Amino acid sequence: MAERRIVIDEKLIEHLSWLSRIRLEKEEIRNILPQLTRILEFFHQMDEAGVENTPPLFTVVEYTETTRADEPSTGLSQEEALRNAPKREGAFIKAPRIV
């Protein structure tokens, strides 16, 4: 596969900050530039690792099911359910009209 290297410059950082709606000053961009370059260099080192015969890894820790069994219960009474409602009208929660 052909090697494709991304060049990080101030113009790219300005574009990324615009996309992510983060306002960066020129000095901040100059500080971020070498940091992002080092991060990309690290990823290029990882690309050189020989992993052709390694199966994909979906998680680094063994996963065990931690959910509880679904058992029916009595639930809340109407008064308990409405206790923290910001606005109520009789036995209902009152919400703003959405059109």
N, C-alpha and C. Protein backbone atom coordinates (compact mmCIF):
# COMPACT_ATOMS: atom_id res chain seq x y z
N MET A 1 0.85 -1.18 0.00
CA MET A 1 0.00 0.00 0.00
C MET A 1 0.89 1.24 0.00
N ALA A 2 0.52 2.23 -0.79
CA ALA A 2 1.30 3.46 -0.89
C ALA A 2 1.20 4.24 0.41
N GLU A 3 2.34 4.80 0.79
CA GLU A 3 2.38 5.57 2.04
C GLU A 3 1.77 6.94 1.79
N ARG A 4 0.87 7.31 2.65
CA ARG A 4 0.20 8.59 2.53
C ARG A 4 0.43 9.38 3.81
N ARG A 5 1.22 10.40 3.73
CA ARG A 5 1.51 11.20 4.92
C ARG A 5 0.75 12.51 4.86
N ILE A 6 0.16 12.86 5.97
CA ILE A 6 -0.56 14.12 6.08
C ILE A 6 0.40 15.15 6.64
N VAL A 7 0.46 16.28 5.98
CA VAL A 7 1.32 17.37 6.44
C VAL A 7 0.46 18.31 7.27
N ILE A 8 0.90 18.50 8.50
CA ILE A 8 0.16 19.40 9.39
C ILE A 8 0.81 20.77 9.32
N ASP A 9 0.04 21.74 8.94
CA ASP A 9 0.51 23.11 8.93
C ASP A 9 -0.54 24.01 9.58
N GLU A 10 -0.23 25.28 9.68
CA GLU A 10 -1.16 26.20 10.36
C GLU A 10 -2.50 26.26 9.65
N LYS A 11 -2.49 26.16 8.32
CA LYS A 11 -3.74 26.22 7.55
C LYS A 11 -4.64 25.04 7.91
N LEU A 12 -4.06 23.83 8.06
CA LEU A 12 -4.84 22.66 8.42
C LEU A 12 -5.42 22.81 9.83
N ILE A 13 -4.63 23.29 10.75
CA ILE A 13 -5.11 23.47 12.13
C ILE A 13 -6.23 24.51 12.17
N GLU A 14 -6.09 25.58 11.40
CA GLU A 14 -7.16 26.59 11.34
C GLU A 14 -8.44 25.96 10.79
N HIS A 15 -8.30 25.13 9.77
CA HIS A 15 -9.48 24.47 9.19
C HIS A 15 -10.12 23.52 10.20
N LEU A 16 -9.31 22.73 10.90
CA LEU A 16 -9.85 21.81 11.91
C LEU A 16 -10.51 22.56 13.04
N SER A 17 -9.93 23.68 13.45
CA SER A 17 -10.55 24.46 14.52
C SER A 17 -11.87 25.06 14.06
N TRP A 18 -11.94 25.46 12.78
CA TRP A 18 -13.20 25.97 12.24
C TRP A 18 -14.26 24.87 12.21
N LEU A 19 -13.87 23.65 11.77
CA LEU A 19 -14.81 22.54 11.72
C LEU A 19 -15.34 22.18 13.10
N SER A 20 -14.46 22.23 14.10
CA SER A 20 -14.87 21.85 15.45
C SER A 20 -15.39 23.04 16.25
N ARG A 21 -15.46 24.19 15.61
CA ARG A 21 -15.97 25.41 16.24
C ARG A 21 -15.19 25.77 17.51
N ILE A 22 -13.87 25.66 17.39
CA ILE A 22 -12.98 26.05 18.48
C ILE A 22 -12.17 27.24 18.00
N ARG A 23 -12.25 28.32 18.73
CA ARG A 23 -11.49 29.51 18.35
C ARG A 23 -10.07 29.39 18.90
N LEU A 24 -9.08 29.45 18.02
CA LEU A 24 -7.69 29.36 18.42
C LEU A 24 -6.96 30.63 17.99
N GLU A 25 -6.16 31.14 18.89
CA GLU A 25 -5.31 32.28 18.56
C GLU A 25 -4.09 31.77 17.81
N LYS A 26 -3.38 32.68 17.11
CA LYS A 26 -2.19 32.30 16.33
C LYS A 26 -1.14 31.61 17.21
N GLU A 27 -0.96 32.10 18.42
CA GLU A 27 0.03 31.51 19.33
C GLU A 27 -0.37 30.08 19.71
N GLU A 28 -1.66 29.87 19.93
CA GLU A 28 -2.14 28.52 20.26
C GLU A 28 -1.92 27.57 19.09
N ILE A 29 -2.14 28.07 17.88
CA ILE A 29 -1.92 27.24 16.69
C ILE A 29 -0.44 26.87 16.59
N ARG A 30 0.44 27.83 16.85
CA ARG A 30 1.89 27.55 16.80
C ARG A 30 2.29 26.55 17.89
N ASN A 31 1.60 26.56 19.03
CA ASN A 31 1.91 25.59 20.10
C ASN A 31 1.38 24.20 19.76
N ILE A 32 0.24 24.14 19.10
CA ILE A 32 -0.39 22.86 18.77
C ILE A 32 0.34 22.15 17.63
N LEU A 33 0.88 22.92 16.72
CA LEU A 33 1.51 22.37 15.52
C LEU A 33 2.55 21.29 15.82
N PRO A 34 3.55 21.53 16.67
CA PRO A 34 4.53 20.46 16.93
C PRO A 34 3.93 19.29 17.70
N GLN A 35 2.93 19.55 18.53
CA GLN A 35 2.30 18.46 19.28
C GLN A 35 1.57 17.51 18.34
N LEU A 36 0.79 18.06 17.42
CA LEU A 36 0.08 17.21 16.46
C LEU A 36 1.05 16.47 15.55
N THR A 37 2.13 17.12 15.19
CA THR A 37 3.15 16.48 14.35
C THR A 37 3.74 15.27 15.06
N ARG A 38 4.06 15.41 16.34
CA ARG A 38 4.60 14.27 17.12
C ARG A 38 3.57 13.15 17.23
N ILE A 39 2.31 13.50 17.41
CA ILE A 39 1.27 12.47 17.49
C ILE A 39 1.18 11.69 16.18
N LEU A 40 1.18 12.40 15.06
CA LEU A 40 1.12 11.71 13.76
C LEU A 40 2.36 10.86 13.52
N GLU A 41 3.53 11.33 13.95
CA GLU A 41 4.75 10.53 13.81
C GLU A 41 4.63 9.23 14.59
N PHE A 42 3.99 9.28 15.76
CA PHE A 42 3.78 8.07 16.54
C PHE A 42 2.88 7.10 15.79
N PHE A 43 1.82 7.61 15.17
CA PHE A 43 0.94 6.73 14.40
C PHE A 43 1.67 6.13 13.20
N HIS A 44 2.59 6.88 12.59
CA HIS A 44 3.37 6.33 11.48
C HIS A 44 4.25 5.19 11.99
N GLN A 45 4.79 5.31 13.20
CA GLN A 45 5.57 4.21 13.79
C GLN A 45 4.69 2.99 13.99
N MET A 46 3.47 3.20 14.43
CA MET A 46 2.55 2.08 14.63
C MET A 46 2.21 1.41 13.30
N ASP A 47 2.14 2.19 12.22
CA ASP A 47 1.87 1.62 10.90
C ASP A 47 2.96 0.64 10.47
N GLU A 48 4.18 0.82 10.97
CA GLU A 48 5.29 -0.04 10.58
C GLU A 48 5.31 -1.37 11.34
N ALA A 49 4.49 -1.51 12.35
CA ALA A 49 4.45 -2.76 13.11
C ALA A 49 3.92 -3.88 12.24
N GLY A 50 4.54 -5.06 12.33
CA GLY A 50 4.11 -6.19 11.52
C GLY A 50 2.90 -6.87 12.13
N VAL A 51 1.73 -6.56 11.64
CA VAL A 51 0.49 -7.12 12.20
C VAL A 51 -0.33 -7.85 11.14
N GLU A 52 0.31 -8.21 10.03
CA GLU A 52 -0.43 -8.83 8.93
C GLU A 52 -1.15 -10.11 9.35
N ASN A 53 -0.55 -10.92 10.21
CA ASN A 53 -1.12 -12.21 10.61
C ASN A 53 -1.80 -12.15 11.98
N THR A 54 -2.11 -10.96 12.45
CA THR A 54 -2.75 -10.79 13.75
C THR A 54 -4.24 -10.57 13.55
N PRO A 55 -5.08 -11.35 14.23
CA PRO A 55 -6.53 -11.15 14.08
C PRO A 55 -6.95 -9.82 14.72
N PRO A 56 -8.04 -9.24 14.23
CA PRO A 56 -8.52 -7.97 14.80
C PRO A 56 -8.87 -8.12 16.27
N LEU A 57 -8.61 -7.07 17.03
CA LEU A 57 -8.93 -7.05 18.46
C LEU A 57 -10.01 -6.00 18.66
N PHE A 58 -11.13 -6.43 19.22
CA PHE A 58 -12.24 -5.50 19.40
C PHE A 58 -12.25 -4.87 20.78
N THR A 59 -11.60 -5.47 21.73
CA THR A 59 -11.50 -4.90 23.07
C THR A 59 -10.22 -5.40 23.71
N VAL A 60 -9.64 -4.61 24.58
CA VAL A 60 -8.39 -5.00 25.22
C VAL A 60 -8.62 -5.68 26.57
N VAL A 61 -9.85 -5.65 27.04
CA VAL A 61 -10.18 -6.32 28.30
C VAL A 61 -11.28 -7.34 28.05
N GLU A 62 -11.28 -8.35 28.84
CA GLU A 62 -12.33 -9.37 28.73
C GLU A 62 -13.65 -8.75 29.19
N TYR A 63 -14.68 -8.91 28.39
CA TYR A 63 -15.98 -8.30 28.70
C TYR A 63 -16.91 -9.37 29.26
N THR A 64 -17.55 -9.04 30.35
CA THR A 64 -18.56 -9.94 30.91
C THR A 64 -19.86 -9.15 31.05
N GLU A 65 -20.97 -9.82 30.87
CA GLU A 65 -22.28 -9.16 30.96
C GLU A 65 -22.51 -8.70 32.39
N THR A 66 -22.85 -7.43 32.57
CA THR A 66 -23.03 -6.89 33.91
C THR A 66 -24.44 -6.37 34.16
N THR A 67 -25.35 -6.62 33.24
CA THR A 67 -26.69 -6.12 33.45
C THR A 67 -27.48 -7.08 34.35
N ARG A 68 -28.45 -6.55 35.01
CA ARG A 68 -29.27 -7.37 35.89
C ARG A 68 -30.42 -8.00 35.11
N ALA A 69 -31.01 -8.97 35.70
CA ALA A 69 -32.17 -9.61 35.07
C ALA A 69 -33.34 -8.63 35.08
N ASP A 70 -34.17 -8.69 34.06
CA ASP A 70 -35.33 -7.82 33.97
C ASP A 70 -36.48 -8.47 34.74
N GLU A 71 -36.77 -7.90 35.90
CA GLU A 71 -37.82 -8.46 36.75
C GLU A 71 -38.91 -7.40 36.96
N PRO A 72 -40.16 -7.78 36.86
CA PRO A 72 -41.24 -6.81 37.07
C PRO A 72 -41.27 -6.30 38.51
N SER A 73 -41.65 -5.05 38.65
CA SER A 73 -41.78 -4.47 39.99
C SER A 73 -43.03 -3.59 40.00
N THR A 74 -43.35 -3.08 41.17
CA THR A 74 -44.57 -2.27 41.30
C THR A 74 -44.40 -0.89 40.68
N GLY A 75 -43.20 -0.38 40.58
CA GLY A 75 -42.98 0.93 39.98
C GLY A 75 -43.33 2.05 40.93
N LEU A 76 -43.44 3.27 40.40
CA LEU A 76 -43.75 4.45 41.19
C LEU A 76 -45.25 4.70 41.20
N SER A 77 -45.69 5.27 42.29
CA SER A 77 -47.08 5.73 42.31
C SER A 77 -47.16 7.01 41.48
N GLN A 78 -48.37 7.43 41.15
CA GLN A 78 -48.54 8.64 40.35
C GLN A 78 -47.96 9.85 41.08
N GLU A 79 -48.17 9.93 42.36
CA GLU A 79 -47.65 11.06 43.14
C GLU A 79 -46.12 11.05 43.16
N GLU A 80 -45.50 9.87 43.31
CA GLU A 80 -44.04 9.79 43.30
C GLU A 80 -43.48 10.18 41.94
N ALA A 81 -44.16 9.78 40.87
CA ALA A 81 -43.69 10.10 39.52
C ALA A 81 -43.78 11.59 39.24
N LEU A 82 -44.76 12.27 39.81
CA LEU A 82 -44.96 13.70 39.56
C LEU A 82 -44.24 14.59 40.57
N ARG A 83 -43.65 14.01 41.58
CA ARG A 83 -43.07 14.78 42.68
C ARG A 83 -42.04 15.81 42.20
N ASN A 84 -41.17 15.47 41.28
CA ASN A 84 -40.10 16.38 40.85
C ASN A 84 -40.39 17.06 39.51
N ALA A 85 -41.61 16.95 39.02
CA ALA A 85 -41.96 17.60 37.76
C ALA A 85 -41.91 19.12 37.95
N PRO A 86 -41.27 19.83 37.02
CA PRO A 86 -41.18 21.28 37.18
C PRO A 86 -42.55 21.97 37.14
N LYS A 87 -43.45 21.46 36.29
CA LYS A 87 -44.81 22.02 36.22
C LYS A 87 -45.78 20.86 36.09
N ARG A 88 -46.90 20.96 36.78
CA ARG A 88 -47.93 19.93 36.68
C ARG A 88 -49.28 20.58 36.46
N GLU A 89 -50.13 19.82 35.85
CA GLU A 89 -51.52 20.24 35.69
C GLU A 89 -52.37 19.03 36.04
N GLY A 90 -52.91 19.06 37.23
CA GLY A 90 -53.67 17.90 37.71
C GLY A 90 -52.74 16.71 37.87
N ALA A 91 -53.06 15.63 37.20
CA ALA A 91 -52.27 14.40 37.31
C ALA A 91 -51.28 14.25 36.17
N PHE A 92 -50.94 15.37 35.48
CA PHE A 92 -50.07 15.31 34.33
C PHE A 92 -48.88 16.24 34.48
N ILE A 93 -47.80 15.93 33.79
CA ILE A 93 -46.66 16.84 33.70
C ILE A 93 -46.96 17.83 32.60
N LYS A 94 -46.81 19.11 32.89
CA LYS A 94 -47.08 20.15 31.90
C LYS A 94 -45.76 20.54 31.24
N ALA A 95 -45.75 20.47 29.92
CA ALA A 95 -44.54 20.80 29.16
C ALA A 95 -44.89 21.88 28.14
N PRO A 96 -43.87 22.63 27.68
CA PRO A 96 -44.15 23.66 26.67
C PRO A 96 -44.64 23.02 25.37
N ARG A 97 -45.49 23.74 24.67
CA ARG A 97 -46.02 23.26 23.39
C ARG A 97 -44.89 23.30 22.36
N ILE A 98 -44.76 22.23 21.62
CA ILE A 98 -43.75 22.15 20.57
C ILE A 98 -44.47 21.92 19.26
N VAL A 99 -44.23 22.80 18.32
CA VAL A 99 -44.91 22.69 17.04
C VAL A 99 -43.92 22.30 15.98
